Amino acid sequence: MRVLGVDPGLTRCGLGVVDGGKGRTVRCVAVDVVRTPADADLAHRLLGISDEVERWMDKYQPEAVAVERVFAQHNVRTAMGTAQAGGVVALAAARRGLPVVFHTPSEVKAAVSGSGRADKAQVTAMVMRLLNLEVAPKPADAADALALAICHLWREPMRARLAEAEARAAEMARTHKARLAAAAKQASTNTAAKQASTNTAAKQVTMNKTKKPGAAR
């Protein structure tokens, strides 16, 4: 599977394409950073990111897109810009029918380095090691994009299997619940029918007892 990893941002948006092979083997296809000037209009900055992301999708033909999920930050303006850039990427992928998955920073760090608290230097070092890169991708946004792609390649199959298992379990639970409801309804019907039969028999007995001798003659 080929995955486009995106570390969203307005000033720097990291892009990394990684191919996944057998087992956990991964190979770097391309990596770069899209930059937009801080003094430019927001709409034009987003347009620039969108155009470049779409160019990458057309050129490298990824099968899935992995985007870093935005968490609350002290700088609200930065967080909003990051979320907007991520939304542009998701929209571009949706237009091509590509699945988009958002991964948290801790998920990416844990997948790549084994620790959800790893710093950027540790993540970059592991990305270099996993992809057999001789030079560290710079700036850090580029390495983060590659890390996102690797995280997706390794986590998504497990997540998909888990989701499938949960869906099967939910379906089994619904089927069991429906059977119990049907059984309860049938039992209620049988009880009502038995009670009606008992009442009819009791009524007949009462009628027989109240008949006067010789009335039938």
N, C-alpha and C. Protein backbone atom coordinates (compact mmCIF):
# COMPACT_ATOMS: atom_id res chain seq x y z
N MET A 1 0.84 -1.19 0.00
CA MET A 1 0.00 0.00 0.00
C MET A 1 0.88 1.24 0.00
N ARG A 2 0.43 2.24 -0.73
CA ARG A 2 1.14 3.52 -0.75
C ARG A 2 0.32 4.55 0.02
N VAL A 3 0.98 5.23 0.94
CA VAL A 3 0.30 6.19 1.82
C VAL A 3 0.95 7.56 1.71
N LEU A 4 0.10 8.57 1.63
CA LEU A 4 0.56 9.95 1.70
C LEU A 4 0.36 10.44 3.13
N GLY A 5 1.46 10.74 3.81
CA GLY A 5 1.39 11.29 5.15
C GLY A 5 1.46 12.80 5.09
N VAL A 6 0.62 13.48 5.87
CA VAL A 6 0.57 14.94 5.84
C VAL A 6 0.62 15.49 7.27
N ASP A 7 1.65 16.32 7.51
CA ASP A 7 1.74 17.04 8.77
C ASP A 7 1.24 18.45 8.48
N PRO A 8 -0.04 18.73 8.74
CA PRO A 8 -0.65 19.98 8.28
C PRO A 8 -0.12 21.21 8.99
N GLY A 9 -0.11 22.30 8.27
CA GLY A 9 0.31 23.58 8.81
C GLY A 9 0.22 24.63 7.72
N LEU A 10 0.01 25.88 8.11
CA LEU A 10 -0.10 26.93 7.12
C LEU A 10 1.27 27.39 6.63
N THR A 11 2.19 27.61 7.55
CA THR A 11 3.53 28.06 7.16
C THR A 11 4.33 26.94 6.53
N ARG A 12 4.26 25.76 7.14
CA ARG A 12 4.95 24.58 6.60
C ARG A 12 4.00 23.39 6.70
N CYS A 13 3.77 22.74 5.59
CA CYS A 13 2.91 21.54 5.54
C CYS A 13 3.76 20.39 5.02
N GLY A 14 4.07 19.46 5.90
CA GLY A 14 4.93 18.34 5.52
C GLY A 14 4.18 17.30 4.70
N LEU A 15 4.83 16.82 3.65
CA LEU A 15 4.26 15.77 2.80
C LEU A 15 5.26 14.64 2.67
N GLY A 16 4.80 13.41 2.83
CA GLY A 16 5.67 12.26 2.69
C GLY A 16 4.92 11.07 2.13
N VAL A 17 5.48 10.45 1.12
CA VAL A 17 4.86 9.26 0.51
C VAL A 17 5.71 8.05 0.84
N VAL A 18 5.06 7.02 1.39
CA VAL A 18 5.77 5.80 1.81
C VAL A 18 5.05 4.58 1.27
N ASP A 19 5.82 3.64 0.74
CA ASP A 19 5.27 2.36 0.30
C ASP A 19 5.47 1.33 1.39
N GLY A 20 4.44 0.53 1.63
CA GLY A 20 4.53 -0.55 2.59
C GLY A 20 4.66 -1.88 1.88
N GLY A 21 5.61 -2.70 2.34
CA GLY A 21 5.82 -4.00 1.72
C GLY A 21 5.38 -5.12 2.63
N LYS A 22 5.98 -6.28 2.47
CA LYS A 22 5.64 -7.42 3.32
C LYS A 22 6.08 -7.17 4.75
N GLY A 23 5.27 -7.65 5.67
CA GLY A 23 5.59 -7.45 7.07
C GLY A 23 5.54 -5.97 7.42
N ARG A 24 6.63 -5.48 7.97
CA ARG A 24 6.69 -4.07 8.37
C ARG A 24 7.73 -3.30 7.55
N THR A 25 8.06 -3.82 6.39
CA THR A 25 9.03 -3.12 5.55
C THR A 25 8.38 -1.87 4.92
N VAL A 26 9.13 -0.79 4.92
CA VAL A 26 8.64 0.47 4.37
C VAL A 26 9.73 1.11 3.51
N ARG A 27 9.28 1.89 2.52
CA ARG A 27 10.23 2.54 1.62
C ARG A 27 9.76 3.96 1.33
N CYS A 28 10.69 4.90 1.44
CA CYS A 28 10.38 6.30 1.16
C CYS A 28 10.30 6.54 -0.35
N VAL A 29 9.21 7.12 -0.79
CA VAL A 29 9.03 7.43 -2.21
C VAL A 29 9.34 8.91 -2.46
N ALA A 30 8.84 9.77 -1.61
CA ALA A 30 9.06 11.21 -1.77
C ALA A 30 8.78 11.93 -0.46
N VAL A 31 9.44 13.04 -0.25
CA VAL A 31 9.20 13.84 0.95
C VAL A 31 9.53 15.29 0.64
N ASP A 32 8.72 16.20 1.17
CA ASP A 32 8.94 17.62 0.94
C ASP A 32 8.06 18.42 1.90
N VAL A 33 8.20 19.72 1.83
CA VAL A 33 7.40 20.62 2.66
C VAL A 33 6.82 21.72 1.78
N VAL A 34 5.52 21.95 1.94
CA VAL A 34 4.85 23.03 1.23
C VAL A 34 4.89 24.26 2.13
N ARG A 35 5.37 25.36 1.61
CA ARG A 35 5.47 26.60 2.40
C ARG A 35 4.55 27.66 1.82
N THR A 36 3.94 28.43 2.71
CA THR A 36 3.15 29.58 2.27
C THR A 36 3.58 30.79 3.11
N PRO A 37 3.63 31.97 2.52
CA PRO A 37 4.07 33.17 3.25
C PRO A 37 3.09 33.58 4.33
N ALA A 38 3.63 33.91 5.49
CA ALA A 38 2.79 34.26 6.63
C ALA A 38 1.98 35.52 6.41
N ASP A 39 2.45 36.41 5.54
CA ASP A 39 1.74 37.67 5.32
C ASP A 39 0.70 37.57 4.20
N ALA A 40 0.54 36.39 3.62
CA ALA A 40 -0.44 36.21 2.53
C ALA A 40 -1.84 36.03 3.10
N ASP A 41 -2.82 36.25 2.25
CA ASP A 41 -4.21 36.07 2.64
C ASP A 41 -4.47 34.60 2.95
N LEU A 42 -5.27 34.34 3.98
CA LEU A 42 -5.53 32.96 4.41
C LEU A 42 -6.07 32.10 3.28
N ALA A 43 -7.02 32.62 2.54
CA ALA A 43 -7.62 31.85 1.47
C ALA A 43 -6.58 31.42 0.43
N HIS A 44 -5.68 32.34 0.10
CA HIS A 44 -4.65 32.03 -0.89
C HIS A 44 -3.62 31.04 -0.33
N ARG A 45 -3.37 31.12 0.97
CA ARG A 45 -2.45 30.15 1.58
C ARG A 45 -3.04 28.75 1.52
N LEU A 46 -4.32 28.64 1.83
CA LEU A 46 -4.99 27.34 1.78
C LEU A 46 -5.06 26.83 0.34
N LEU A 47 -5.27 27.74 -0.60
CA LEU A 47 -5.31 27.36 -2.01
C LEU A 47 -3.95 26.81 -2.45
N GLY A 48 -2.88 27.46 -1.99
CA GLY A 48 -1.54 26.98 -2.35
C GLY A 48 -1.28 25.59 -1.81
N ILE A 49 -1.70 25.34 -0.57
CA ILE A 49 -1.53 24.00 0.02
C ILE A 49 -2.37 22.99 -0.75
N SER A 50 -3.61 23.36 -1.05
CA SER A 50 -4.51 22.46 -1.77
C SER A 50 -3.94 22.09 -3.14
N ASP A 51 -3.45 23.08 -3.85
CA ASP A 51 -2.90 22.82 -5.19
C ASP A 51 -1.72 21.86 -5.14
N GLU A 52 -0.83 22.06 -4.17
CA GLU A 52 0.35 21.20 -4.08
C GLU A 52 -0.01 19.79 -3.64
N VAL A 53 -0.93 19.69 -2.70
CA VAL A 53 -1.36 18.37 -2.23
C VAL A 53 -2.02 17.60 -3.37
N GLU A 54 -2.85 18.29 -4.14
CA GLU A 54 -3.51 17.62 -5.27
C GLU A 54 -2.48 17.21 -6.33
N ARG A 55 -1.46 18.03 -6.51
CA ARG A 55 -0.40 17.67 -7.46
C ARG A 55 0.31 16.41 -7.00
N TRP A 56 0.55 16.29 -5.70
CA TRP A 56 1.20 15.10 -5.16
C TRP A 56 0.30 13.88 -5.32
N MET A 57 -0.96 14.06 -5.07
CA MET A 57 -1.89 12.92 -5.22
C MET A 57 -1.94 12.43 -6.66
N ASP A 58 -1.93 13.37 -7.59
CA ASP A 58 -1.96 13.00 -9.00
C ASP A 58 -0.64 12.33 -9.41
N LYS A 59 0.45 12.82 -8.88
CA LYS A 59 1.77 12.31 -9.27
C LYS A 59 2.08 10.96 -8.66
N TYR A 60 1.81 10.81 -7.36
CA TYR A 60 2.24 9.60 -6.64
C TYR A 60 1.12 8.57 -6.44
N GLN A 61 -0.11 8.95 -6.69
CA GLN A 61 -1.24 8.02 -6.64
C GLN A 61 -1.31 7.21 -5.34
N PRO A 62 -1.40 7.88 -4.20
CA PRO A 62 -1.50 7.13 -2.93
C PRO A 62 -2.83 6.40 -2.84
N GLU A 63 -2.85 5.35 -2.03
CA GLU A 63 -4.07 4.58 -1.82
C GLU A 63 -4.80 5.03 -0.56
N ALA A 64 -4.12 5.80 0.27
CA ALA A 64 -4.71 6.31 1.50
C ALA A 64 -3.95 7.56 1.93
N VAL A 65 -4.59 8.37 2.76
CA VAL A 65 -3.98 9.60 3.25
C VAL A 65 -4.04 9.61 4.77
N ALA A 66 -2.89 9.85 5.40
CA ALA A 66 -2.81 9.91 6.86
C ALA A 66 -2.49 11.34 7.26
N VAL A 67 -3.32 11.92 8.11
CA VAL A 67 -3.17 13.31 8.53
C VAL A 67 -3.06 13.37 10.04
N GLU A 68 -2.20 14.26 10.52
CA GLU A 68 -2.07 14.39 11.98
C GLU A 68 -3.31 15.08 12.54
N ARG A 69 -3.86 14.51 13.60
CA ARG A 69 -5.03 15.09 14.24
C ARG A 69 -4.61 16.28 15.10
N VAL A 70 -5.35 17.36 14.99
CA VAL A 70 -5.00 18.58 15.72
C VAL A 70 -5.52 18.49 17.14
N PHE A 71 -4.63 18.78 18.09
CA PHE A 71 -5.01 18.84 19.49
C PHE A 71 -4.97 20.29 19.95
N ALA A 72 -5.62 20.56 21.07
CA ALA A 72 -5.62 21.93 21.60
C ALA A 72 -4.20 22.39 21.88
N GLN A 73 -3.92 23.62 21.47
CA GLN A 73 -2.62 24.20 21.70
C GLN A 73 -2.79 25.53 22.42
N HIS A 74 -1.69 26.01 22.99
CA HIS A 74 -1.75 27.30 23.69
C HIS A 74 -2.02 28.42 22.68
N ASN A 75 -1.49 28.29 21.49
CA ASN A 75 -1.70 29.28 20.45
C ASN A 75 -2.92 28.88 19.63
N VAL A 76 -4.05 29.50 19.92
CA VAL A 76 -5.30 29.15 19.25
C VAL A 76 -5.21 29.42 17.76
N ARG A 77 -4.55 30.50 17.38
CA ARG A 77 -4.44 30.85 15.96
C ARG A 77 -3.68 29.77 15.19
N THR A 78 -2.61 29.25 15.80
CA THR A 78 -1.84 28.19 15.15
C THR A 78 -2.67 26.92 15.02
N ALA A 79 -3.41 26.60 16.08
CA ALA A 79 -4.25 25.40 16.05
C ALA A 79 -5.31 25.50 14.96
N MET A 80 -5.90 26.68 14.82
CA MET A 80 -6.93 26.87 13.80
C MET A 80 -6.33 26.74 12.40
N GLY A 81 -5.15 27.32 12.20
CA GLY A 81 -4.50 27.22 10.90
C GLY A 81 -4.16 25.79 10.55
N THR A 82 -3.68 25.04 11.55
CA THR A 82 -3.34 23.64 11.33
C THR A 82 -4.59 22.83 10.97
N ALA A 83 -5.69 23.09 11.68
CA ALA A 83 -6.94 22.39 11.40
C ALA A 83 -7.46 22.73 10.00
N GLN A 84 -7.32 23.98 9.61
CA GLN A 84 -7.78 24.39 8.28
C GLN A 84 -6.97 23.71 7.18
N ALA A 85 -5.66 23.64 7.39
CA ALA A 85 -4.80 22.97 6.41
C ALA A 85 -5.15 21.49 6.32
N GLY A 86 -5.41 20.87 7.47
CA GLY A 86 -5.80 19.46 7.48
C GLY A 86 -7.12 19.24 6.77
N GLY A 87 -8.04 20.19 6.91
CA GLY A 87 -9.33 20.07 6.24
C GLY A 87 -9.19 20.15 4.73
N VAL A 88 -8.29 21.01 4.27
CA VAL A 88 -8.03 21.13 2.83
C VAL A 88 -7.51 19.80 2.27
N VAL A 89 -6.61 19.18 3.02
CA VAL A 89 -6.04 17.89 2.60
C VAL A 89 -7.12 16.82 2.54
N ALA A 90 -7.96 16.78 3.58
CA ALA A 90 -9.03 15.78 3.62
C ALA A 90 -10.00 15.97 2.46
N LEU A 91 -10.29 17.22 2.12
CA LEU A 91 -11.19 17.51 1.01
C LEU A 91 -10.60 17.04 -0.31
N ALA A 92 -9.32 17.30 -0.51
CA ALA A 92 -8.66 16.88 -1.75
C ALA A 92 -8.69 15.36 -1.88
N ALA A 93 -8.48 14.67 -0.76
CA ALA A 93 -8.50 13.20 -0.79
C ALA A 93 -9.91 12.68 -1.06
N ALA A 94 -10.90 13.32 -0.43
CA ALA A 94 -12.29 12.88 -0.61
C ALA A 94 -12.73 13.02 -2.06
N ARG A 95 -12.25 14.04 -2.74
CA ARG A 95 -12.60 14.23 -4.14
C ARG A 95 -12.10 13.09 -5.01
N ARG A 96 -11.04 12.44 -4.56
CA ARG A 96 -10.47 11.32 -5.31
C ARG A 96 -10.92 9.98 -4.77
N GLY A 97 -11.79 10.00 -3.79
CA GLY A 97 -12.29 8.75 -3.21
C GLY A 97 -11.26 8.04 -2.36
N LEU A 98 -10.27 8.79 -1.84
CA LEU A 98 -9.22 8.17 -1.01
C LEU A 98 -9.63 8.18 0.46
N PRO A 99 -9.39 7.09 1.15
CA PRO A 99 -9.68 7.07 2.59
C PRO A 99 -8.73 7.99 3.34
N VAL A 100 -9.25 8.72 4.30
CA VAL A 100 -8.45 9.64 5.11
C VAL A 100 -8.57 9.23 6.57
N VAL A 101 -7.43 9.06 7.23
CA VAL A 101 -7.42 8.70 8.65
C VAL A 101 -6.58 9.72 9.40
N PHE A 102 -7.11 10.20 10.51
CA PHE A 102 -6.40 11.16 11.34
C PHE A 102 -5.75 10.42 12.51
N HIS A 103 -4.46 10.59 12.66
CA HIS A 103 -3.72 9.94 13.75
C HIS A 103 -3.24 11.00 14.74
N THR A 104 -3.31 10.68 16.02
CA THR A 104 -2.84 11.62 17.03
C THR A 104 -1.31 11.59 17.08
N PRO A 105 -0.70 12.67 17.56
CA PRO A 105 0.76 12.70 17.68
C PRO A 105 1.31 11.54 18.52
N SER A 106 0.61 11.22 19.60
CA SER A 106 1.10 10.12 20.46
C SER A 106 1.02 8.78 19.76
N GLU A 107 -0.01 8.58 18.92
CA GLU A 107 -0.12 7.34 18.15
C GLU A 107 1.04 7.21 17.17
N VAL A 108 1.37 8.32 16.52
CA VAL A 108 2.47 8.31 15.55
C VAL A 108 3.79 8.03 16.26
N LYS A 109 4.03 8.71 17.36
CA LYS A 109 5.28 8.51 18.10
C LYS A 109 5.41 7.07 18.60
N ALA A 110 4.31 6.53 19.12
CA ALA A 110 4.34 5.17 19.64
C ALA A 110 4.58 4.16 18.52
N ALA A 111 3.95 4.39 17.37
CA ALA A 111 4.11 3.45 16.25
C ALA A 111 5.53 3.44 15.72
N VAL A 112 6.14 4.60 15.65
CA VAL A 112 7.47 4.72 15.05
C VAL A 112 8.60 4.43 16.03
N SER A 113 8.47 4.97 17.25
CA SER A 113 9.57 4.85 18.21
C SER A 113 9.29 3.91 19.37
N GLY A 114 8.04 3.53 19.55
CA GLY A 114 7.70 2.66 20.68
C GLY A 114 7.29 3.43 21.91
N SER A 115 7.38 4.76 21.86
CA SER A 115 7.02 5.59 23.01
C SER A 115 6.16 6.75 22.54
N GLY A 116 5.02 6.92 23.17
CA GLY A 116 4.13 8.01 22.82
C GLY A 116 4.64 9.36 23.28
N ARG A 117 5.75 9.36 24.04
CA ARG A 117 6.31 10.61 24.54
C ARG A 117 7.64 10.96 23.88
N ALA A 118 7.97 10.28 22.80
CA ALA A 118 9.23 10.55 22.11
C ALA A 118 9.25 11.99 21.59
N ASP A 119 10.45 12.59 21.59
CA ASP A 119 10.56 13.95 21.06
C ASP A 119 10.82 13.90 19.56
N LYS A 120 10.88 15.08 18.94
CA LYS A 120 11.04 15.15 17.49
C LYS A 120 12.35 14.53 17.01
N ALA A 121 13.39 14.70 17.80
CA ALA A 121 14.70 14.16 17.41
C ALA A 121 14.65 12.63 17.38
N GLN A 122 13.98 12.04 18.36
CA GLN A 122 13.87 10.58 18.40
C GLN A 122 13.01 10.07 17.25
N VAL A 123 11.93 10.78 16.94
CA VAL A 123 11.07 10.38 15.83
C VAL A 123 11.84 10.45 14.52
N THR A 124 12.56 11.55 14.33
CA THR A 124 13.34 11.71 13.10
C THR A 124 14.38 10.60 12.96
N ALA A 125 15.06 10.28 14.07
CA ALA A 125 16.09 9.23 14.04
C ALA A 125 15.48 7.89 13.66
N MET A 126 14.30 7.59 14.19
CA MET A 126 13.65 6.31 13.88
C MET A 126 13.15 6.29 12.44
N VAL A 127 12.67 7.43 11.96
CA VAL A 127 12.23 7.50 10.57
C VAL A 127 13.40 7.22 9.63
N MET A 128 14.56 7.82 9.93
CA MET A 128 15.75 7.58 9.12
C MET A 128 16.14 6.11 9.13
N ARG A 129 16.06 5.51 10.30
CA ARG A 129 16.45 4.10 10.45
C ARG A 129 15.48 3.19 9.70
N LEU A 130 14.19 3.44 9.86
CA LEU A 130 13.18 2.57 9.24
C LEU A 130 13.18 2.68 7.73
N LEU A 131 13.46 3.88 7.22
CA LEU A 131 13.43 4.11 5.78
C LEU A 131 14.81 4.07 5.13
N ASN A 132 15.82 3.76 5.95
CA ASN A 132 17.21 3.69 5.46
C ASN A 132 17.63 4.99 4.77
N LEU A 133 17.34 6.09 5.43
CA LEU A 133 17.71 7.40 4.90
C LEU A 133 19.08 7.81 5.43
N GLU A 134 19.92 8.30 4.59
CA GLU A 134 21.25 8.73 5.01
C GLU A 134 21.22 10.15 5.56
N VAL A 135 20.26 10.94 5.11
CA VAL A 135 20.15 12.33 5.56
C VAL A 135 18.78 12.53 6.20
N ALA A 136 18.75 13.23 7.31
CA ALA A 136 17.50 13.48 8.01
C ALA A 136 16.61 14.43 7.22
N PRO A 137 15.34 14.10 7.04
CA PRO A 137 14.41 15.01 6.35
C PRO A 137 14.27 16.30 7.14
N LYS A 138 14.42 17.42 6.49
CA LYS A 138 14.29 18.71 7.17
C LYS A 138 13.35 19.61 6.37
N PRO A 139 12.60 20.46 7.10
CA PRO A 139 12.52 20.57 8.56
C PRO A 139 11.78 19.38 9.19
N ALA A 140 11.52 19.49 10.48
CA ALA A 140 10.90 18.37 11.20
C ALA A 140 9.54 18.00 10.63
N ASP A 141 8.85 18.96 10.00
CA ASP A 141 7.53 18.67 9.42
C ASP A 141 7.62 17.58 8.37
N ALA A 142 8.74 17.53 7.64
CA ALA A 142 8.93 16.50 6.60
C ALA A 142 9.07 15.13 7.24
N ALA A 143 9.88 15.04 8.30
CA ALA A 143 10.04 13.77 9.00
C ALA A 143 8.73 13.32 9.63
N ASP A 144 7.97 14.29 10.16
CA ASP A 144 6.68 13.96 10.77
C ASP A 144 5.71 13.40 9.74
N ALA A 145 5.77 13.93 8.52
CA ALA A 145 4.89 13.43 7.46
C ALA A 145 5.21 11.97 7.13
N LEU A 146 6.50 11.66 7.06
CA LEU A 146 6.90 10.27 6.82
C LEU A 146 6.48 9.38 7.97
N ALA A 147 6.63 9.89 9.19
CA ALA A 147 6.23 9.12 10.38
C ALA A 147 4.73 8.83 10.35
N LEU A 148 3.94 9.79 9.89
CA LEU A 148 2.49 9.59 9.79
C LEU A 148 2.17 8.47 8.80
N ALA A 149 2.86 8.47 7.67
CA ALA A 149 2.62 7.44 6.66
C ALA A 149 3.00 6.06 7.22
N ILE A 150 4.13 5.98 7.91
CA ILE A 150 4.55 4.71 8.50
C ILE A 150 3.54 4.25 9.54
N CYS A 151 3.11 5.18 10.39
CA CYS A 151 2.12 4.86 11.42
C CYS A 151 0.87 4.27 10.79
N HIS A 152 0.41 4.88 9.72
CA HIS A 152 -0.80 4.39 9.06
C HIS A 152 -0.61 2.99 8.50
N LEU A 153 0.53 2.77 7.86
CA LEU A 153 0.81 1.46 7.27
C LEU A 153 0.82 0.36 8.34
N TRP A 154 1.28 0.68 9.52
CA TRP A 154 1.41 -0.33 10.56
C TRP A 154 0.16 -0.46 11.43
N ARG A 155 -0.56 0.65 11.62
CA ARG A 155 -1.70 0.62 12.53
C ARG A 155 -3.03 0.32 11.83
N GLU A 156 -3.18 0.79 10.59
CA GLU A 156 -4.47 0.69 9.93
C GLU A 156 -4.95 -0.75 9.73
N PRO A 157 -4.09 -1.70 9.33
CA PRO A 157 -4.57 -3.09 9.19
C PRO A 157 -5.13 -3.63 10.51
N MET A 158 -4.45 -3.33 11.61
CA MET A 158 -4.93 -3.79 12.91
C MET A 158 -6.24 -3.09 13.27
N ARG A 159 -6.31 -1.78 13.02
CA ARG A 159 -7.53 -1.03 13.31
C ARG A 159 -8.69 -1.55 12.48
N ALA A 160 -8.42 -1.86 11.22
CA ALA A 160 -9.46 -2.37 10.33
C ALA A 160 -9.97 -3.73 10.82
N ARG A 161 -9.04 -4.59 11.24
CA ARG A 161 -9.45 -5.91 11.75
C ARG A 161 -10.26 -5.76 13.02
N LEU A 162 -9.85 -4.83 13.88
CA LEU A 162 -10.58 -4.60 15.12
C LEU A 162 -11.98 -4.07 14.83
N ALA A 163 -12.08 -3.13 13.89
CA ALA A 163 -13.38 -2.58 13.53
C ALA A 163 -14.28 -3.67 12.94
N GLU A 164 -13.69 -4.55 12.14
CA GLU A 164 -14.46 -5.65 11.55
C GLU A 164 -14.96 -6.60 12.64
N ALA A 165 -14.07 -6.89 13.61
CA ALA A 165 -14.46 -7.78 14.71
C ALA A 165 -15.57 -7.14 15.55
N GLU A 166 -15.46 -5.84 15.79
CA GLU A 166 -16.49 -5.13 16.56
C GLU A 166 -17.81 -5.12 15.81
N ALA A 167 -17.74 -4.96 14.49
CA ALA A 167 -18.96 -4.96 13.69
C ALA A 167 -19.64 -6.33 13.74
N ARG A 168 -18.82 -7.40 13.66
CA ARG A 168 -19.37 -8.76 13.74
C ARG A 168 -20.00 -9.00 15.11
N ALA A 169 -19.32 -8.54 16.16
CA ALA A 169 -19.84 -8.72 17.51
C ALA A 169 -21.15 -7.96 17.69
N ALA A 170 -21.21 -6.75 17.14
CA ALA A 170 -22.43 -5.96 17.24
C ALA A 170 -23.58 -6.63 16.48
N GLU A 171 -23.26 -7.20 15.32
CA GLU A 171 -24.29 -7.89 14.54
C GLU A 171 -24.79 -9.13 15.27
N MET A 172 -23.87 -9.87 15.88
CA MET A 172 -24.26 -11.05 16.65
C MET A 172 -25.13 -10.65 17.83
N ALA A 173 -24.79 -9.53 18.47
CA ALA A 173 -25.58 -9.06 19.61
C ALA A 173 -26.98 -8.65 19.17
N ARG A 174 -27.06 -7.98 18.01
CA ARG A 174 -28.39 -7.59 17.49
C ARG A 174 -29.21 -8.82 17.13
N THR A 175 -28.57 -9.82 16.53
CA THR A 175 -29.28 -11.05 16.16
C THR A 175 -29.78 -11.77 17.41
N HIS A 176 -28.91 -11.86 18.43
CA HIS A 176 -29.29 -12.53 19.68
C HIS A 176 -30.44 -11.79 20.35
N LYS A 177 -30.36 -10.46 20.35
CA LYS A 177 -31.42 -9.66 20.97
C LYS A 177 -32.73 -9.86 20.24
N ALA A 178 -32.67 -9.92 18.90
CA ALA A 178 -33.88 -10.12 18.11
C ALA A 178 -34.48 -11.50 18.39
N ARG A 179 -33.62 -12.52 18.53
CA ARG A 179 -34.11 -13.87 18.83
C ARG A 179 -34.77 -13.91 20.20
N LEU A 180 -34.16 -13.23 21.18
CA LEU A 180 -34.74 -13.20 22.53
C LEU A 180 -36.09 -12.50 22.50
N ALA A 181 -36.17 -11.40 21.73
CA ALA A 181 -37.44 -10.68 21.65
C ALA A 181 -38.51 -11.54 20.98
N ALA A 182 -38.11 -12.27 19.93
CA ALA A 182 -39.06 -13.14 19.24
C ALA A 182 -39.52 -14.28 20.15
N ALA A 183 -38.57 -14.82 20.91
CA ALA A 183 -38.91 -15.91 21.83
C ALA A 183 -39.86 -15.41 22.92
N ALA A 184 -39.58 -14.20 23.43
CA ALA A 184 -40.43 -13.64 24.48
C ALA A 184 -41.83 -13.37 23.93
N LYS A 185 -41.89 -12.88 22.69
CA LYS A 185 -43.19 -12.60 22.07
C LYS A 185 -43.97 -13.89 21.86
N GLN A 186 -43.26 -14.95 21.42
CA GLN A 186 -43.92 -16.23 21.21
C GLN A 186 -44.41 -16.82 22.51
N ALA A 187 -43.56 -16.67 23.55
CA ALA A 187 -43.95 -17.18 24.87
C ALA A 187 -45.18 -16.45 25.38
N SER A 188 -45.22 -15.13 25.16
CA SER A 188 -46.37 -14.34 25.58
C SER A 188 -47.62 -14.76 24.83
N THR A 189 -47.47 -15.03 23.53
CA THR A 189 -48.59 -15.48 22.70
C THR A 189 -49.11 -16.83 23.17
N ASN A 190 -48.16 -17.74 23.46
CA ASN A 190 -48.55 -19.07 23.93
C ASN A 190 -49.27 -18.99 25.27
N THR A 191 -48.77 -18.12 26.15
CA THR A 191 -49.39 -17.96 27.47
C THR A 191 -50.80 -17.42 27.34
N ALA A 192 -50.95 -16.42 26.45
CA ALA A 192 -52.28 -15.83 26.24
C ALA A 192 -53.24 -16.85 25.66
N ALA A 193 -52.73 -17.66 24.71
CA ALA A 193 -53.58 -18.67 24.10
C ALA A 193 -53.99 -19.73 25.13
N LYS A 194 -53.05 -20.13 25.98
CA LYS A 194 -53.33 -21.12 27.02
C LYS A 194 -54.34 -20.59 28.02
N GLN A 195 -54.17 -19.28 28.37
CA GLN A 195 -55.09 -18.68 29.32
C GLN A 195 -56.49 -18.58 28.74
N ALA A 196 -56.53 -18.24 27.44
CA ALA A 196 -57.84 -18.13 26.78
C ALA A 196 -58.52 -19.50 26.74
N SER A 197 -57.72 -20.55 26.48
CA SER A 197 -58.28 -21.90 26.44
C SER A 197 -58.79 -22.31 27.81
N THR A 198 -58.02 -21.96 28.84
CA THR A 198 -58.42 -22.28 30.22
C THR A 198 -59.70 -21.57 30.59
N ASN A 199 -59.78 -20.28 30.20
CA ASN A 199 -60.97 -19.49 30.51
C ASN A 199 -62.20 -20.06 29.80
N THR A 200 -62.00 -20.50 28.56
CA THR A 200 -63.12 -21.07 27.79
C THR A 200 -63.61 -22.36 28.45
N ALA A 201 -62.63 -23.19 28.86
CA ALA A 201 -63.00 -24.45 29.51
C ALA A 201 -63.72 -24.19 30.83
N ALA A 202 -63.21 -23.21 31.60
CA ALA A 202 -63.84 -22.90 32.88
C ALA A 202 -65.26 -22.37 32.68
N LYS A 203 -65.42 -21.56 31.63
CA LYS A 203 -66.73 -21.01 31.33
C LYS A 203 -67.71 -22.10 30.94
N GLN A 204 -67.20 -23.09 30.20
CA GLN A 204 -68.05 -24.20 29.76
C GLN A 204 -68.50 -25.03 30.96
N VAL A 205 -67.54 -25.25 31.88
CA VAL A 205 -67.88 -26.02 33.09
C VAL A 205 -68.94 -25.29 33.89
N THR A 206 -68.78 -23.98 34.01
CA THR A 206 -69.74 -23.18 34.78
C THR A 206 -71.12 -23.24 34.13
N MET A 207 -71.13 -23.16 32.82
CA MET A 207 -72.41 -23.21 32.11
C MET A 207 -73.09 -24.56 32.31
N ASN A 208 -72.28 -25.64 32.28
CA ASN A 208 -72.84 -26.98 32.47
C ASN A 208 -73.44 -27.13 33.86
N LYS A 209 -72.77 -26.52 34.86
CA LYS A 209 -73.24 -26.64 36.24
C LYS A 209 -74.54 -25.87 36.47
N THR A 210 -74.70 -24.80 35.68
CA THR A 210 -75.89 -23.96 35.93
C THR A 210 -77.09 -24.39 35.11
N LYS A 211 -76.89 -25.37 34.25
CA LYS A 211 -78.02 -25.85 33.46
C LYS A 211 -79.03 -26.55 34.36
N LYS A 212 -80.34 -26.33 34.17
CA LYS A 212 -81.37 -26.97 34.95
C LYS A 212 -81.58 -28.40 34.49
N PRO A 213 -81.91 -29.28 35.44
CA PRO A 213 -82.16 -30.66 35.05
C PRO A 213 -83.32 -30.76 34.05
N GLY A 214 -83.10 -31.46 32.99
CA GLY A 214 -84.14 -31.66 32.00
C GLY A 214 -84.26 -30.53 31.00
N ALA A 215 -83.44 -29.52 31.13
CA ALA A 215 -83.55 -28.36 30.20
C ALA A 215 -83.24 -28.75 28.78
N ALA A 216 -82.40 -29.77 28.65
CA ALA A 216 -81.99 -30.16 27.30
C ALA A 216 -83.03 -31.01 26.61
N ARG A 217 -84.10 -31.46 27.32
CA ARG A 217 -85.11 -32.34 26.76
C ARG A 217 -86.13 -31.54 25.97
